[in-house]
Amino acid sequence: MRHRERHRTERIGWLRASVLGANDGIVSTASLVVGVAAADAGRADILLAGVAGLVAGALSMAAGEYVSVSSQADTERADLALERTELATQPAAEVNELAAIYVGRGLEPGLARSVAQQLMAHDAVGAHARDELGLSETLVARPLQAALASATTFAVGAGLPIMTVTLAPRDNLAMVVSGVSLICLAALGATAARAGGASAWIGAGRVSFWGALAMAATAGVGALFGTAVS
């Protein structure tokens, strides 16, 4: 029976984009509605601001992730094209280059050269992509996957404070939204940390800290400008 290991690096592509999207959705939307609520706006205005923030934020996250990861994918393709050219024009030098990598990892020179030759005979581009460039199928850039994951999770995250706005009493709306959002952020940070093999407490703490800081700052701005306008 074949032994199958599942490593956490397999989750990096979608996990990073998903956590970033959900975290940003909660923090930015909660901060926005808390700031507008602190300016003494009505519930309808607060909801409008929250929904507008959700739509704009989700589209911005999708565009940002797609452009960013596409740039990474372009770089990967350019590096692979360069490797193909070098393999076609300087095959001996490429064997030496790969053998030197294996010597640096602990193989004897003769064995390293033999391994390099065998791997290149099987899949020269794949061998250099993996061992020289550090590229693999698991970690390859996937722009569309990253964009969809970010946009979807942003919308889900942003929906939490918006839903809270519809249910919370107007007099304590800012406090209720802040509290619920911090609880959700802590849960998200803990879950993401556990999925990545880190401490849930550390993950929850660092996300909650920055979320609380953002909401406190926007509440201060809302209160300041609300007082100034009145």
Protein backbone atom coordinates (compact mmCIF):
# COMPACT_ATOMS: atom_id res chain seq x y z
CA MET A 1 0.00 0.00 0.00
CA ARG A 2 1.37 3.40 -1.01
CA HIS A 3 2.22 5.74 1.85
CA ARG A 4 0.53 9.11 1.42
CA GLU A 5 1.61 12.14 3.43
CA ARG A 6 -0.40 15.33 3.51
CA HIS A 7 1.67 18.42 4.29
CA ARG A 8 0.40 21.83 5.28
CA THR A 9 2.29 23.48 2.41
CA GLU A 10 -0.39 22.05 0.11
CA ARG A 11 -2.80 24.55 1.66
CA ILE A 12 -0.65 27.65 1.23
CA GLY A 13 -2.19 28.88 -2.03
CA TRP A 14 -5.83 28.99 -0.95
CA LEU A 15 -5.24 29.36 2.80
CA ARG A 16 -3.30 32.62 2.52
CA ALA A 17 -5.83 34.20 0.16
CA SER A 18 -8.81 32.96 2.18
CA VAL A 19 -7.50 34.13 5.54
CA LEU A 20 -6.45 37.48 4.12
CA GLY A 21 -9.86 37.98 2.49
CA ALA A 22 -11.94 37.04 5.53
CA ASN A 23 -9.74 39.00 7.91
CA ASP A 24 -9.83 42.11 5.73
CA GLY A 25 -13.57 41.74 5.22
CA ILE A 26 -14.26 41.74 8.96
CA VAL A 27 -11.74 44.42 9.92
CA SER A 28 -12.41 46.93 7.14
CA THR A 29 -16.22 46.60 7.19
CA ALA A 30 -16.50 46.55 10.98
CA SER A 31 -14.19 49.56 11.21
CA LEU A 32 -16.25 51.37 8.58
CA VAL A 33 -19.60 50.80 10.25
CA VAL A 34 -18.20 51.56 13.71
CA GLY A 35 -16.77 54.83 12.40
CA VAL A 36 -20.06 55.82 10.77
CA ALA A 37 -22.00 54.78 13.90
CA ALA A 38 -19.68 56.88 16.07
CA ALA A 39 -20.57 59.88 13.89
CA ASP A 40 -24.18 59.42 15.09
CA ALA A 41 -25.52 58.29 11.70
CA GLY A 42 -28.80 56.43 11.37
CA ARG A 43 -29.02 52.66 10.96
CA ALA A 44 -29.89 52.96 7.25
CA ASP A 45 -26.79 55.06 6.60
CA ILE A 46 -24.63 52.63 8.54
CA LEU A 47 -25.99 49.69 6.56
CA LEU A 48 -25.46 51.53 3.27
CA ALA A 49 -21.85 52.24 4.19
CA GLY A 50 -21.31 48.61 5.18
CA VAL A 51 -22.80 47.15 1.99
CA ALA A 52 -20.86 49.62 -0.17
CA GLY A 53 -17.70 48.62 1.68
CA LEU A 54 -18.47 44.94 1.11
CA VAL A 55 -18.92 45.32 -2.66
CA ALA A 56 -15.95 47.62 -3.15
CA GLY A 57 -13.72 45.57 -0.88
CA ALA A 58 -14.55 42.22 -2.48
CA LEU A 59 -13.85 43.54 -5.97
CA SER A 60 -10.68 45.25 -4.79
CA MET A 61 -9.43 42.07 -3.13
CA ALA A 62 -10.15 40.03 -6.26
CA ALA A 63 -8.38 42.50 -8.52
CA GLY A 64 -5.43 42.91 -6.16
CA GLU A 65 -4.90 39.18 -5.68
CA TYR A 66 -5.29 38.46 -9.39
CA VAL A 67 -2.78 41.11 -10.44
CA SER A 68 -0.32 40.18 -7.69
CA VAL A 69 -0.41 36.43 -8.26
CA SER A 70 -0.43 36.93 -12.04
CA SER A 71 2.82 38.85 -11.70
CA GLN A 72 4.24 35.94 -9.74
CA ALA A 73 3.04 33.50 -12.42
CA ASP A 74 4.63 35.67 -15.14
CA THR A 75 7.94 35.55 -13.29
CA GLU A 76 7.72 31.78 -12.95
CA ARG A 77 7.00 31.37 -16.67
CA ALA A 78 9.90 33.66 -17.58
CA ASP A 79 12.29 31.67 -15.37
CA LEU A 80 11.12 28.39 -16.90
CA ALA A 81 11.56 29.80 -20.41
CA LEU A 82 15.11 30.81 -19.51
CA GLU A 83 15.81 27.32 -18.19
CA ARG A 84 14.53 25.75 -21.41
CA THR A 85 16.83 27.99 -23.43
CA GLU A 86 19.84 27.15 -21.28
CA LEU A 87 19.05 23.43 -21.42
CA ALA A 88 18.93 23.62 -25.21
CA THR A 89 22.12 25.67 -25.61
CA GLN A 90 24.25 24.66 -22.59
CA PRO A 91 23.23 21.15 -21.50
CA ALA A 92 26.60 20.28 -19.95
CA ALA A 93 26.64 23.44 -17.86
CA GLU A 94 23.12 22.68 -16.66
CA VAL A 95 24.17 19.20 -15.56
CA ASN A 96 27.06 20.72 -13.61
CA GLU A 97 24.74 23.30 -12.08
CA LEU A 98 22.27 20.67 -10.88
CA ALA A 99 25.04 18.38 -9.63
CA ALA A 100 26.52 21.27 -7.62
CA ILE A 101 23.14 21.79 -5.94
CA TYR A 102 23.07 18.14 -4.86
CA VAL A 103 26.66 18.31 -3.62
CA GLY A 104 25.63 21.27 -1.49
CA ARG A 105 22.87 19.12 -0.04
CA GLY A 106 25.29 16.40 1.01
CA LEU A 107 25.76 14.01 -1.91
CA GLU A 108 29.20 12.90 -3.08
CA PRO A 109 30.25 14.56 -6.38
CA GLY A 110 30.05 11.35 -8.40
CA LEU A 111 26.65 10.41 -7.06
CA ALA A 112 25.41 13.98 -7.45
CA ARG A 113 26.37 14.00 -11.13
CA SER A 114 24.71 10.61 -11.68
CA VAL A 115 21.50 11.80 -9.98
CA ALA A 116 21.52 15.02 -12.01
CA GLN A 117 21.96 13.14 -15.28
CA GLN A 118 19.20 10.65 -14.49
CA LEU A 119 16.73 13.30 -13.39
CA MET A 120 17.46 15.44 -16.44
CA ALA A 121 17.03 12.44 -18.71
CA HIS A 122 13.60 11.93 -17.19
CA ASP A 123 12.44 15.59 -16.97
CA ALA A 124 15.16 18.20 -17.33
CA VAL A 125 12.90 21.25 -16.99
CA GLY A 126 11.08 19.75 -14.02
CA ALA A 127 14.33 18.92 -12.24
CA HIS A 128 15.70 22.45 -12.61
CA ALA A 129 12.35 24.05 -11.78
CA ARG A 130 12.14 22.07 -8.55
CA ASP A 131 15.76 22.04 -7.36
CA GLU A 132 17.18 25.24 -8.84
CA LEU A 133 14.19 27.59 -8.88
CA GLY A 134 12.20 26.10 -6.00
CA LEU A 135 9.04 25.74 -8.10
CA SER A 136 6.62 22.85 -7.68
CA GLU A 137 3.06 21.97 -8.64
CA THR A 138 1.98 22.40 -5.02
CA LEU A 139 3.27 25.96 -4.71
CA VAL A 140 2.69 27.18 -8.26
CA ALA A 141 0.93 30.54 -8.59
CA ARG A 142 -2.80 30.29 -9.41
CA PRO A 143 -4.16 33.83 -10.01
CA LEU A 144 -7.82 32.93 -10.56
CA GLN A 145 -7.96 30.67 -7.50
CA ALA A 146 -6.42 33.38 -5.33
CA ALA A 147 -8.78 36.06 -6.69
CA LEU A 148 -11.93 34.00 -6.16
CA ALA A 149 -10.86 32.87 -2.70
CA SER A 150 -10.09 36.43 -1.59
CA ALA A 151 -13.29 37.95 -2.98
CA THR A 152 -15.54 35.22 -1.59
CA THR A 153 -14.03 35.18 1.88
CA PHE A 154 -13.96 38.99 2.01
CA ALA A 155 -17.69 39.05 1.29
CA VAL A 156 -18.35 36.40 3.94
CA GLY A 157 -16.23 38.25 6.48
CA ALA A 158 -17.81 41.61 5.67
CA GLY A 159 -21.27 40.10 5.99
CA LEU A 160 -20.74 39.41 9.70
CA PRO A 161 -20.58 43.04 10.91
CA ILE A 162 -23.34 44.02 8.46
CA MET A 163 -25.61 41.33 9.87
CA THR A 164 -24.75 42.52 13.37
CA VAL A 165 -25.78 46.07 12.42
CA THR A 166 -29.26 44.83 11.49
CA LEU A 167 -29.71 43.06 14.85
CA ALA A 168 -27.89 45.27 17.38
CA PRO A 169 -29.70 48.01 19.33
CA ARG A 170 -28.88 51.45 17.91
CA ASP A 171 -27.70 52.89 21.23
CA ASN A 172 -24.98 50.24 21.62
CA LEU A 173 -24.45 49.45 17.95
CA ALA A 174 -20.76 50.38 17.80
CA MET A 175 -19.91 48.35 20.90
CA VAL A 176 -21.89 45.29 19.77
CA VAL A 177 -20.38 45.34 16.28
CA SER A 178 -16.89 45.72 17.73
CA GLY A 179 -17.40 42.87 20.19
CA VAL A 180 -18.87 40.45 17.68
CA SER A 181 -16.21 41.33 15.11
CA LEU A 182 -13.38 40.76 17.59
CA ILE A 183 -14.81 37.37 18.53
CA CYS A 184 -15.02 36.41 14.85
CA LEU A 185 -11.48 37.67 14.23
CA ALA A 186 -10.14 35.67 17.15
CA ALA A 187 -11.87 32.53 15.89
CA LEU A 188 -10.55 33.13 12.36
CA GLY A 189 -7.02 33.73 13.58
CA ALA A 190 -7.07 30.62 15.75
CA THR A 191 -8.47 28.45 12.95
CA ALA A 192 -5.95 29.72 10.41
CA ALA A 193 -3.07 29.22 12.83
CA ARG A 194 -4.13 25.65 13.58
CA ALA A 195 -4.52 24.89 9.87
CA GLY A 196 -0.97 26.13 9.36
CA GLY A 197 0.39 24.19 12.32
CA ALA A 198 0.94 27.20 14.63
CA SER A 199 -0.43 28.16 18.05
CA ALA A 200 -4.14 29.02 18.01
CA TRP A 201 -3.65 31.50 20.87
CA ILE A 202 -0.95 33.41 19.01
CA GLY A 203 -3.04 33.46 15.84
CA ALA A 204 -6.10 34.74 17.67
CA GLY A 205 -4.13 37.34 19.59
CA ARG A 206 -2.36 38.98 16.68
CA VAL A 207 -5.49 39.22 14.53
CA SER A 208 -7.58 40.58 17.40
CA PHE A 209 -4.97 43.20 18.27
CA TRP A 210 -4.89 44.74 14.81
CA GLY A 211 -8.66 44.49 14.45
CA ALA A 212 -9.23 46.31 17.74
CA LEU A 213 -6.70 48.97 16.77
CA ALA A 214 -8.43 49.59 13.42
CA MET A 215 -11.90 49.84 14.96
CA ALA A 216 -10.70 52.14 17.73
CA ALA A 217 -9.06 54.44 15.19
CA THR A 218 -12.13 54.70 12.95
CA ALA A 219 -14.42 55.19 15.96
CA GLY A 220 -12.24 58.09 17.01
CA VAL A 221 -12.39 59.61 13.52
CA GLY A 222 -16.18 59.14 13.39
CA ALA A 223 -16.69 60.71 16.79
CA LEU A 224 -14.40 63.63 15.92
CA PHE A 225 -16.05 64.47 12.63
CA GLY A 226 -19.52 63.75 13.94
CA THR A 227 -18.96 66.29 16.72
CA ALA A 228 -17.48 68.77 14.28
CA VAL A 229 -20.43 68.50 11.91
CA SER A 230 -23.01 68.84 14.65
